Amino acid sequence: MNYGKALAMGEQYEKAVDVLEQAKQFLNTTIIETALGDSYKALKKDNKSESAYQHAGDMIPSRFYPYYLLANLYEESDQHKKAVSI
C-alpha cells in the first residue's frame, strides 16, 4: 500500500495502479482506493477513478475526503449536476 501510494505521489501512475491493485487483494483501505482514484484520474480513466473514489466513500461514509475528490472529478469533467449532488 505505501509503495503504491508513493508511486502515485511520484507521478508513476501506471506502476502505481499495478501495485495498488495487487495490494487490494490483501488489504483494501480508503488510502488504496483514493490513491487508485488519483492515479486513474491522471491517466484519464475517469470511469475507474469515479469507481475508486465512490468505493472509498462507501467504505467509511462519514469521511468527506473521498467525496471531495469525487466532486472535483465531476467538476473537472463538466458534470456539474453530479458535483452539486455530492
PDB file of N, CA and C in Angstrom:
ATOM      1  N   MET A   1       0.816  -1.176   0.000  1.00  0.00           N
ATOM      2  CA  MET A   1       0.000   0.000   0.000  1.00  0.00           C
ATOM      3  C   MET A   1       0.872   1.257   0.000  1.00  0.00           C
ATOM      4  N   ASN A   2       1.833   1.315   0.893  1.00  0.00           N
ATOM      5  CA  ASN A   2       2.682   2.505   0.993  1.00  0.00           C
ATOM      6  C   ASN A   2       3.510   2.717  -0.269  1.00  0.00           C
ATOM      7  N   TYR A   3       4.007   1.634  -0.836  1.00  0.00           N
ATOM      8  CA  TYR A   3       4.792   1.740  -2.065  1.00  0.00           C
ATOM      9  C   TYR A   3       3.917   2.253  -3.207  1.00  0.00           C
ATOM     10  N   GLY A   4       2.721   1.734  -3.321  1.00  0.00           N
ATOM     11  CA  GLY A   4       1.800   2.188  -4.360  1.00  0.00           C
ATOM     12  C   GLY A   4       1.435   3.648  -4.200  1.00  0.00           C
ATOM     13  N   LYS A   5       1.193   4.068  -2.977  1.00  0.00           N
ATOM     14  CA  LYS A   5       0.887   5.477  -2.707  1.00  0.00           C
ATOM     15  C   LYS A   5       2.080   6.357  -3.059  1.00  0.00           C
ATOM     16  N   ALA A   6       3.288   5.900  -2.724  1.00  0.00           N
ATOM     17  CA  ALA A   6       4.499   6.656  -3.050  1.00  0.00           C
ATOM     18  C   ALA A   6       4.676   6.783  -4.564  1.00  0.00           C
ATOM     19  N   LEU A   7       4.380   5.710  -5.284  1.00  0.00           N
ATOM     20  CA  LEU A   7       4.456   5.770  -6.740  1.00  0.00           C
ATOM     21  C   LEU A   7       3.457   6.780  -7.296  1.00  0.00           C
ATOM     22  N   ALA A   8       2.260   6.787  -6.757  1.00  0.00           N
ATOM     23  CA  ALA A   8       1.243   7.744  -7.207  1.00  0.00           C
ATOM     24  C   ALA A   8       1.688   9.174  -6.920  1.00  0.00           C
ATOM     25  N   MET A   9       2.245   9.388  -5.753  1.00  0.00           N
ATOM     26  CA  MET A   9       2.715  10.734  -5.399  1.00  0.00           C
ATOM     27  C   MET A   9       3.916  11.131  -6.268  1.00  0.00           C
ATOM     28  N   GLY A  10       4.678  10.145  -6.725  1.00  0.00           N
ATOM     29  CA  GLY A  10       5.819  10.391  -7.601  1.00  0.00           C
ATOM     30  C   GLY A  10       5.431  10.437  -9.070  1.00  0.00           C
ATOM     31  N   GLU A  11       4.137  10.443  -9.339  1.00  0.00           N
ATOM     32  CA  GLU A  11       3.581  10.549 -10.693  1.00  0.00           C
ATOM     33  C   GLU A  11       3.955   9.390 -11.601  1.00  0.00           C
ATOM     34  N   GLN A  12       4.175   8.229 -11.008  1.00  0.00           N
ATOM     35  CA  GLN A  12       4.400   6.998 -11.766  1.00  0.00           C
ATOM     36  C   GLN A  12       3.082   6.208 -11.741  1.00  0.00           C
ATOM     37  N   TYR A  13       2.096   6.738 -12.436  1.00  0.00           N
ATOM     38  CA  TYR A  13       0.721   6.286 -12.290  1.00  0.00           C
ATOM     39  C   TYR A  13       0.471   4.866 -12.777  1.00  0.00           C
ATOM     40  N   GLU A  14       1.046   4.482 -13.899  1.00  0.00           N
ATOM     41  CA  GLU A  14       0.831   3.118 -14.404  1.00  0.00           C
ATOM     42  C   GLU A  14       1.329   2.085 -13.400  1.00  0.00           C
ATOM     43  N   LYS A  15       2.534   2.307 -12.899  1.00  0.00           N
ATOM     44  CA  LYS A  15       3.107   1.370 -11.930  1.00  0.00           C
ATOM     45  C   LYS A  15       2.328   1.414 -10.616  1.00  0.00           C
ATOM     46  N   ALA A  16       1.876   2.619 -10.225  1.00  0.00           N
ATOM     47  CA  ALA A  16       1.091   2.764  -9.008  1.00  0.00           C
ATOM     48  C   ALA A  16      -0.192   1.951  -9.091  1.00  0.00           C
ATOM     49  N   VAL A  17      -0.856   2.005 -10.241  1.00  0.00           N
ATOM     50  CA  VAL A  17      -2.097   1.235 -10.413  1.00  0.00           C
ATOM     51  C   VAL A  17      -1.813  -0.254 -10.263  1.00  0.00           C
ATOM     52  N   ASP A  18      -0.752  -0.744 -10.869  1.00  0.00           N
ATOM     53  CA  ASP A  18      -0.405  -2.162 -10.756  1.00  0.00           C
ATOM     54  C   ASP A  18      -0.176  -2.566  -9.305  1.00  0.00           C
ATOM     55  N   VAL A  19       0.609  -1.783  -8.603  1.00  0.00           N
ATOM     56  CA  VAL A  19       0.939  -2.113  -7.208  1.00  0.00           C
ATOM     57  C   VAL A  19      -0.296  -1.996  -6.318  1.00  0.00           C
ATOM     58  N   LEU A  20      -1.075  -0.951  -6.495  1.00  0.00           N
ATOM     59  CA  LEU A  20      -2.263  -0.749  -5.656  1.00  0.00           C
ATOM     60  C   LEU A  20      -3.326  -1.811  -5.915  1.00  0.00           C
ATOM     61  N   GLU A  21      -3.486  -2.221  -7.161  1.00  0.00           N
ATOM     62  CA  GLU A  21      -4.445  -3.294  -7.456  1.00  0.00           C
ATOM     63  C   GLU A  21      -4.008  -4.600  -6.800  1.00  0.00           C
ATOM     64  N   GLN A  22      -2.709  -4.861  -6.763  1.00  0.00           N
ATOM     65  CA  GLN A  22      -2.211  -6.047  -6.066  1.00  0.00           C
ATOM     66  C   GLN A  22      -2.445  -5.924  -4.563  1.00  0.00           C
ATOM     67  N   ALA A  23      -2.198  -4.740  -4.032  1.00  0.00           N
ATOM     68  CA  ALA A  23      -2.380  -4.516  -2.597  1.00  0.00           C
ATOM     69  C   ALA A  23      -3.825  -4.741  -2.170  1.00  0.00           C
ATOM     70  N   LYS A  24      -4.775  -4.406  -3.063  1.00  0.00           N
ATOM     71  CA  LYS A  24      -6.197  -4.601  -2.751  1.00  0.00           C
ATOM     72  C   LYS A  24      -6.532  -6.059  -2.479  1.00  0.00           C
ATOM     73  N   GLN A  25      -5.745  -6.969  -3.017  1.00  0.00           N
ATOM     74  CA  GLN A  25      -6.015  -8.392  -2.818  1.00  0.00           C
ATOM     75  C   GLN A  25      -5.752  -8.825  -1.370  1.00  0.00           C
ATOM     76  N   PHE A  26      -4.930  -8.046  -0.661  1.00  0.00           N
ATOM     77  CA  PHE A  26      -4.558  -8.408   0.702  1.00  0.00           C
ATOM     78  C   PHE A  26      -5.155  -7.477   1.750  1.00  0.00           C
ATOM     79  N   LEU A  27      -5.345  -6.235   1.384  1.00  0.00           N
ATOM     80  CA  LEU A  27      -5.870  -5.230   2.303  1.00  0.00           C
ATOM     81  C   LEU A  27      -6.494  -4.141   1.454  1.00  0.00           C
ATOM     82  N   ASN A  28      -7.718  -3.790   1.759  1.00  0.00           N
ATOM     83  CA  ASN A  28      -8.322  -2.706   0.999  1.00  0.00           C
ATOM     84  C   ASN A  28      -8.736  -1.616   1.968  1.00  0.00           C
ATOM     85  N   THR A  29      -8.171  -0.445   1.766  1.00  0.00           N
ATOM     86  CA  THR A  29      -8.446   0.691   2.633  1.00  0.00           C
ATOM     87  C   THR A  29      -8.834   1.885   1.775  1.00  0.00           C
ATOM     88  N   THR A  30      -9.298   2.924   2.438  1.00  0.00           N
ATOM     89  CA  THR A  30      -9.629   4.154   1.715  1.00  0.00           C
ATOM     90  C   THR A  30      -8.374   4.776   1.113  1.00  0.00           C
ATOM     91  N   ILE A  31      -7.236   4.553   1.735  1.00  0.00           N
ATOM     92  CA  ILE A  31      -5.979   5.086   1.201  1.00  0.00           C
ATOM     93  C   ILE A  31      -5.680   4.462  -0.161  1.00  0.00           C
ATOM     94  N   ILE A  32      -5.845   3.153  -0.261  1.00  0.00           N
ATOM     95  CA  ILE A  32      -5.615   2.474  -1.530  1.00  0.00           C
ATOM     96  C   ILE A  32      -6.605   2.970  -2.576  1.00  0.00           C
ATOM     97  N   GLU A  33      -7.867   3.053  -2.210  1.00  0.00           N
ATOM     98  CA  GLU A  33      -8.894   3.454  -3.170  1.00  0.00           C
ATOM     99  C   GLU A  33      -8.706   4.903  -3.634  1.00  0.00           C
ATOM    100  N   THR A  34      -8.360   5.818  -2.731  1.00  0.00           N
ATOM    101  CA  THR A  34      -8.167   7.206  -3.160  1.00  0.00           C
ATOM    102  C   THR A  34      -6.901   7.340  -4.008  1.00  0.00           C
ATOM    103  N   ALA A  35      -5.857   6.588  -3.673  1.00  0.00           N
ATOM    104  CA  ALA A  35      -4.641   6.615  -4.495  1.00  0.00           C
ATOM    105  C   ALA A  35      -4.918   6.034  -5.877  1.00  0.00           C
ATOM    106  N   LEU A  36      -5.726   4.975  -5.927  1.00  0.00           N
ATOM    107  CA  LEU A  36      -6.127   4.431  -7.222  1.00  0.00           C
ATOM    108  C   LEU A  36      -6.933   5.464  -8.012  1.00  0.00           C
ATOM    109  N   GLY A  37      -7.859   6.123  -7.327  1.00  0.00           N
ATOM    110  CA  GLY A  37      -8.655   7.149  -7.983  1.00  0.00           C
ATOM    111  C   GLY A  37      -7.791   8.261  -8.546  1.00  0.00           C
ATOM    112  N   ASP A  38      -6.818   8.692  -7.772  1.00  0.00           N
ATOM    113  CA  ASP A  38      -5.908   9.746  -8.233  1.00  0.00           C
ATOM    114  C   ASP A  38      -5.094   9.294  -9.444  1.00  0.00           C
ATOM    115  N   SER A  39      -4.632   8.049  -9.389  1.00  0.00           N
ATOM    116  CA  SER A  39      -3.817   7.515 -10.491  1.00  0.00           C
ATOM    117  C   SER A  39      -4.651   7.352 -11.755  1.00  0.00           C
ATOM    118  N   TYR A  40      -5.842   6.799 -11.607  1.00  0.00           N
ATOM    119  CA  TYR A  40      -6.720   6.643 -12.772  1.00  0.00           C
ATOM    120  C   TYR A  40      -7.108   8.013 -13.352  1.00  0.00           C
ATOM    121  N   LYS A  41      -7.329   8.971 -12.480  1.00  0.00           N
ATOM    122  CA  LYS A  41      -7.665  10.321 -12.946  1.00  0.00           C
ATOM    123  C   LYS A  41      -6.519  10.898 -13.773  1.00  0.00           C
ATOM    124  N   ALA A  42      -5.305  10.731 -13.301  1.00  0.00           N
ATOM    125  CA  ALA A  42      -4.128  11.233 -14.022  1.00  0.00           C
ATOM    126  C   ALA A  42      -3.950  10.525 -15.359  1.00  0.00           C
ATOM    127  N   LEU A  43      -4.397   9.273 -15.423  1.00  0.00           N
ATOM    128  CA  LEU A  43      -4.303   8.503 -16.661  1.00  0.00           C
ATOM    129  C   LEU A  43      -5.521   8.718 -17.565  1.00  0.00           C
ATOM    130  N   LYS A  44      -6.387   9.635 -17.164  1.00  0.00           N
ATOM    131  CA  LYS A  44      -7.598   9.973 -17.940  1.00  0.00           C
ATOM    132  C   LYS A  44      -8.576   8.809 -18.036  1.00  0.00           C
ATOM    133  N   LYS A  45      -8.618   7.990 -17.008  1.00  0.00           N
ATOM    134  CA  LYS A  45      -9.581   6.889 -16.934  1.00  0.00           C
ATOM    135  C   LYS A  45     -10.635   7.276 -15.901  1.00  0.00           C
ATOM    136  N   ASP A  46     -11.496   8.218 -16.305  1.00  0.00           N
ATOM    137  CA  ASP A  46     -12.442   8.821 -15.370  1.00  0.00           C
ATOM    138  C   ASP A  46     -13.439   7.826 -14.776  1.00  0.00           C
ATOM    139  N   ASN A  47     -13.871   6.839 -15.547  1.00  0.00           N
ATOM    140  CA  ASN A  47     -14.823   5.863 -15.003  1.00  0.00           C
ATOM    141  C   ASN A  47     -14.205   5.054 -13.869  1.00  0.00           C
ATOM    142  N   LYS A  48     -12.964   4.641 -14.051  1.00  0.00           N
ATOM    143  CA  LYS A  48     -12.287   3.879 -12.995  1.00  0.00           C
ATOM    144  C   LYS A  48     -11.978   4.777 -11.802  1.00  0.00           C
ATOM    145  N   SER A  49     -11.639   6.021 -12.067  1.00  0.00           N
ATOM    146  CA  SER A  49     -11.384   6.973 -10.996  1.00  0.00           C
ATOM    147  C   SER A  49     -12.654   7.197 -10.179  1.00  0.00           C
ATOM    148  N   GLU A  50     -13.752   7.400 -10.863  1.00  0.00           N
ATOM    149  CA  GLU A  50     -15.040   7.596 -10.184  1.00  0.00           C
ATOM    150  C   GLU A  50     -15.379   6.399  -9.316  1.00  0.00           C
ATOM    151  N   SER A  51     -15.191   5.217  -9.849  1.00  0.00           N
ATOM    152  CA  SER A  51     -15.491   3.994  -9.109  1.00  0.00           C
ATOM    153  C   SER A  51     -14.628   3.870  -7.850  1.00  0.00           C
ATOM    154  N   ALA A  52     -13.346   4.178  -7.972  1.00  0.00           N
ATOM    155  CA  ALA A  52     -12.440   4.082  -6.818  1.00  0.00           C
ATOM    156  C   ALA A  52     -12.813   5.098  -5.739  1.00  0.00           C
ATOM    157  N   TYR A  53     -13.080   6.332  -6.142  1.00  0.00           N
ATOM    158  CA  TYR A  53     -13.474   7.351  -5.160  1.00  0.00           C
ATOM    159  C   TYR A  53     -14.795   6.972  -4.487  1.00  0.00           C
ATOM    160  N   GLN A  54     -15.746   6.490  -5.278  1.00  0.00           N
ATOM    161  CA  GLN A  54     -17.041   6.099  -4.714  1.00  0.00           C
ATOM    162  C   GLN A  54     -16.875   4.944  -3.737  1.00  0.00           C
ATOM    163  N   HIS A  55     -16.032   3.978  -4.091  1.00  0.00           N
ATOM    164  CA  HIS A  55     -15.798   2.847  -3.198  1.00  0.00           C
ATOM    165  C   HIS A  55     -15.161   3.318  -1.890  1.00  0.00           C
ATOM    166  N   ALA A  56     -14.216   4.239  -1.981  1.00  0.00           N
ATOM    167  CA  ALA A  56     -13.591   4.778  -0.767  1.00  0.00           C
ATOM    168  C   ALA A  56     -14.629   5.475   0.100  1.00  0.00           C
ATOM    169  N   GLY A  57     -15.520   6.218  -0.521  1.00  0.00           N
ATOM    170  CA  GLY A  57     -16.573   6.885   0.233  1.00  0.00           C
ATOM    171  C   GLY A  57     -17.543   5.910   0.868  1.00  0.00           C
ATOM    172  N   ASP A  58     -17.841   4.826   0.163  1.00  0.00           N
ATOM    173  CA  ASP A  58     -18.759   3.813   0.694  1.00  0.00           C
ATOM    174  C   ASP A  58     -18.149   3.040   1.860  1.00  0.00           C
ATOM    175  N   MET A  59     -16.829   2.950   1.887  1.00  0.00           N
ATOM    176  CA  MET A  59     -16.163   2.198   2.956  1.00  0.00           C
ATOM    177  C   MET A  59     -16.382   2.857   4.312  1.00  0.00           C
ATOM    178  N   ILE A  60     -16.219   4.175   4.352  1.00  0.00           N
ATOM    179  CA  ILE A  60     -16.409   4.939   5.589  1.00  0.00           C
ATOM    180  C   ILE A  60     -17.181   6.208   5.217  1.00  0.00           C
ATOM    181  N   PRO A  61     -18.509   6.130   5.195  1.00  0.00           N
ATOM    182  CA  PRO A  61     -19.320   7.244   4.699  1.00  0.00           C
ATOM    183  C   PRO A  61     -19.155   8.561   5.460  1.00  0.00           C
ATOM    184  N   SER A  62     -18.661   8.508   6.668  1.00  0.00           N
ATOM    185  CA  SER A  62     -18.516   9.751   7.437  1.00  0.00           C
ATOM    186  C   SER A  62     -17.284  10.556   7.036  1.00  0.00           C
ATOM    187  N   ARG A  63     -16.417   9.993   6.224  1.00  0.00           N
ATOM    188  CA  ARG A  63     -15.234  10.728   5.757  1.00  0.00           C
ATOM    189  C   ARG A  63     -15.601  11.560   4.530  1.00  0.00           C
ATOM    190  N   PHE A  64     -15.193  12.796   4.540  1.00  0.00           N
ATOM    191  CA  PHE A  64     -15.525  13.707   3.448  1.00  0.00           C
ATOM    192  C   PHE A  64     -14.532  13.652   2.291  1.00  0.00           C
ATOM    193  N   TYR A  65     -13.298  13.273   2.553  1.00  0.00           N
ATOM    194  CA  TYR A  65     -12.249  13.387   1.545  1.00  0.00           C
ATOM    195  C   TYR A  65     -12.549  12.630   0.248  1.00  0.00           C
ATOM    196  N   PRO A  66     -12.991  11.372   0.300  1.00  0.00           N
ATOM    197  CA  PRO A  66     -13.294  10.695  -0.967  1.00  0.00           C
ATOM    198  C   PRO A  66     -14.393  11.406  -1.765  1.00  0.00           C
ATOM    199  N   TYR A  67     -15.374  11.951  -1.056  1.00  0.00           N
ATOM    200  CA  TYR A  67     -16.456  12.668  -1.738  1.00  0.00           C
ATOM    201  C   TYR A  67     -15.965  13.998  -2.308  1.00  0.00           C
ATOM    202  N   TYR A  68     -15.038  14.609  -1.618  1.00  0.00           N
ATOM    203  CA  TYR A  68     -14.410  15.832  -2.130  1.00  0.00           C
ATOM    204  C   TYR A  68     -13.680  15.530  -3.444  1.00  0.00           C
ATOM    205  N   LEU A  69     -12.913  14.437  -3.470  1.00  0.00           N
ATOM    206  CA  LEU A  69     -12.200  14.036  -4.677  1.00  0.00           C
ATOM    207  C   LEU A  69     -13.179  13.708  -5.801  1.00  0.00           C
ATOM    208  N   LEU A  70     -14.283  13.051  -5.448  1.00  0.00           N
ATOM    209  CA  LEU A  70     -15.292  12.704  -6.441  1.00  0.00           C
ATOM    210  C   LEU A  70     -15.948  13.964  -7.003  1.00  0.00           C
ATOM    211  N   ALA A  71     -16.274  14.907  -6.139  1.00  0.00           N
ATOM    212  CA  ALA A  71     -16.864  16.170  -6.598  1.00  0.00           C
ATOM    213  C   ALA A  71     -15.899  16.924  -7.513  1.00  0.00           C
ATOM    214  N   ASN A  72     -14.617  16.934  -7.165  1.00  0.00           N
ATOM    215  CA  ASN A  72     -13.613  17.567  -8.030  1.00  0.00           C
ATOM    216  C   ASN A  72     -13.536  16.887  -9.389  1.00  0.00           C
ATOM    217  N   LEU A  73     -13.583  15.571  -9.400  1.00  0.00           N
ATOM    218  CA  LEU A  73     -13.562  14.830 -10.653  1.00  0.00           C
ATOM    219  C   LEU A  73     -14.750  15.227 -11.524  1.00  0.00           C
ATOM    220  N   TYR A  74     -15.921  15.273 -10.924  1.00  0.00           N
ATOM    221  CA  TYR A  74     -17.117  15.667 -11.669  1.00  0.00           C
ATOM    222  C   TYR A  74     -17.001  17.093 -12.192  1.00  0.00           C
ATOM    223  N   GLU A  75     -16.520  17.984 -11.362  1.00  0.00           N
ATOM    224  CA  GLU A  75     -16.400  19.389 -11.764  1.00  0.00           C
ATOM    225  C   GLU A  75     -15.410  19.540 -12.924  1.00  0.00           C
ATOM    226  N   GLU A  76     -14.295  18.850 -12.836  1.00  0.00           N
ATOM    227  CA  GLU A  76     -13.271  18.945 -13.884  1.00  0.00           C
ATOM    228  C   GLU A  76     -13.699  18.287 -15.193  1.00  0.00           C
ATOM    229  N   SER A  77     -14.660  17.375 -15.116  1.00  0.00           N
ATOM    230  CA  SER A  77     -15.139  16.716 -16.330  1.00  0.00           C
ATOM    231  C   SER A  77     -16.506  17.267 -16.768  1.00  0.00           C
ATOM    232  N   ASP A  78     -16.816  18.475 -16.303  1.00  0.00           N
ATOM    233  CA  ASP A  78     -18.037  19.196 -16.686  1.00  0.00           C
ATOM    234  C   ASP A  78     -19.326  18.444 -16.375  1.00  0.00           C
ATOM    235  N   GLN A  79     -19.310  17.700 -15.296  1.00  0.00           N
ATOM    236  CA  GLN A  79     -20.520  17.029 -14.813  1.00  0.00           C
ATOM    237  C   GLN A  79     -21.020  17.785 -13.585  1.00  0.00           C
ATOM    238  N   HIS A  80     -21.442  19.010 -13.819  1.00  0.00           N
ATOM    239  CA  HIS A  80     -21.762  19.932 -12.731  1.00  0.00           C
ATOM    240  C   HIS A  80     -22.918  19.453 -11.851  1.00  0.00           C
ATOM    241  N   LYS A  81     -23.930  18.827 -12.440  1.00  0.00           N
ATOM    242  CA  LYS A  81     -25.061  18.354 -11.638  1.00  0.00           C
ATOM    243  C   LYS A  81     -24.615  17.271 -10.648  1.00  0.00           C
ATOM    244  N   LYS A  82     -23.748  16.372 -11.107  1.00  0.00           N
ATOM    245  CA  LYS A  82     -23.230  15.344 -10.203  1.00  0.00           C
ATOM    246  C   LYS A  82     -22.360  15.971  -9.118  1.00  0.00           C
ATOM    247  N   ALA A  83     -21.570  16.960  -9.473  1.00  0.00           N
ATOM    248  CA  ALA A  83     -20.713  17.629  -8.488  1.00  0.00           C
ATOM    249  C   ALA A  83     -21.553  18.288  -7.409  1.00  0.00           C
ATOM    250  N   VAL A  84     -22.623  18.951  -7.818  1.00  0.00           N
ATOM    251  CA  VAL A  84     -23.500  19.636  -6.852  1.00  0.00           C
ATOM    252  C   VAL A  84     -24.190  18.615  -5.954  1.00  0.00           C
ATOM    253  N   SER A  85     -24.584  17.467  -6.519  1.00  0.00           N
ATOM    254  CA  SER A  85     -25.280  16.473  -5.709  1.00  0.00           C
ATOM    255  C   SER A  85     -24.375  15.878  -4.629  1.00  0.00           C
ATOM    256  N   ILE A  86     -23.078  15.836  -4.883  1.00  0.00           N
ATOM    257  CA  ILE A  86     -22.141  15.349  -3.879  1.00  0.00           C
ATOM    258  C   ILE A  86     -22.047  16.367  -2.765  1.00  0.00           C
TER     259      ILE A  86
END
